[in-house]
């Protein structure tokens, strides 16, 4: 039996000197379908307007009831699929997850990739959102087919490859497609220059 866990992500406090926000998550409920969870998103938004809470996004995680340890016996599979939503409840991105890495990733349709190369975005990571520059997009289904034809066999990719390459202050990261959102607000000249320098350093081979 599949269950769908709805999570809200809210912004905590003000932007810090690095242009980052801390966030916190709240489980809003467990539902029997994505549709039911989506309906509750709208109920929650209407309720939160009166509190003026800063909603950053929502996630719906598909999980399996009575799911045991994954085959390597190390941990329980976290989820099988995820849907991410903008603060107004609009569906933003959908992706599949497979902790066992058994299900192949064969690219995603180009029109399901929300961000574009060079865009400034917010990367949701480890209890905060941080500015980033998009460097490389996830592979599209057309690109996968071309690579398959060139190789003469199906290349091996899994859900981990459904990701961007983005530049942050430290260097670069590979967040999943559903974890990078459109940038809102303004960014200081200092922090923008830090992102540009990070990108330049990466493109010049770690120099």
Foldseek 3Di string as FASTA:
>chain_A
DKKKWKKWKFWDDDQDPLRKTFIDIDTPDIHPDPVVNLVVLQVVLVVCVVVVTGTAKMKIFIDDPPFDCPPVNPGGDDGFKMWMGGNNSHTQAIDTDDPVLPDFDQAAAPVRQRDDAQAWWWFDDDRMTHIKGWHAAQGHNVNQVVVCVVVVHRDGHGQQSQFTWIFALVAIDTDHSNGIGHDDDDDDPVSVVSNVVSVVCVVVPND
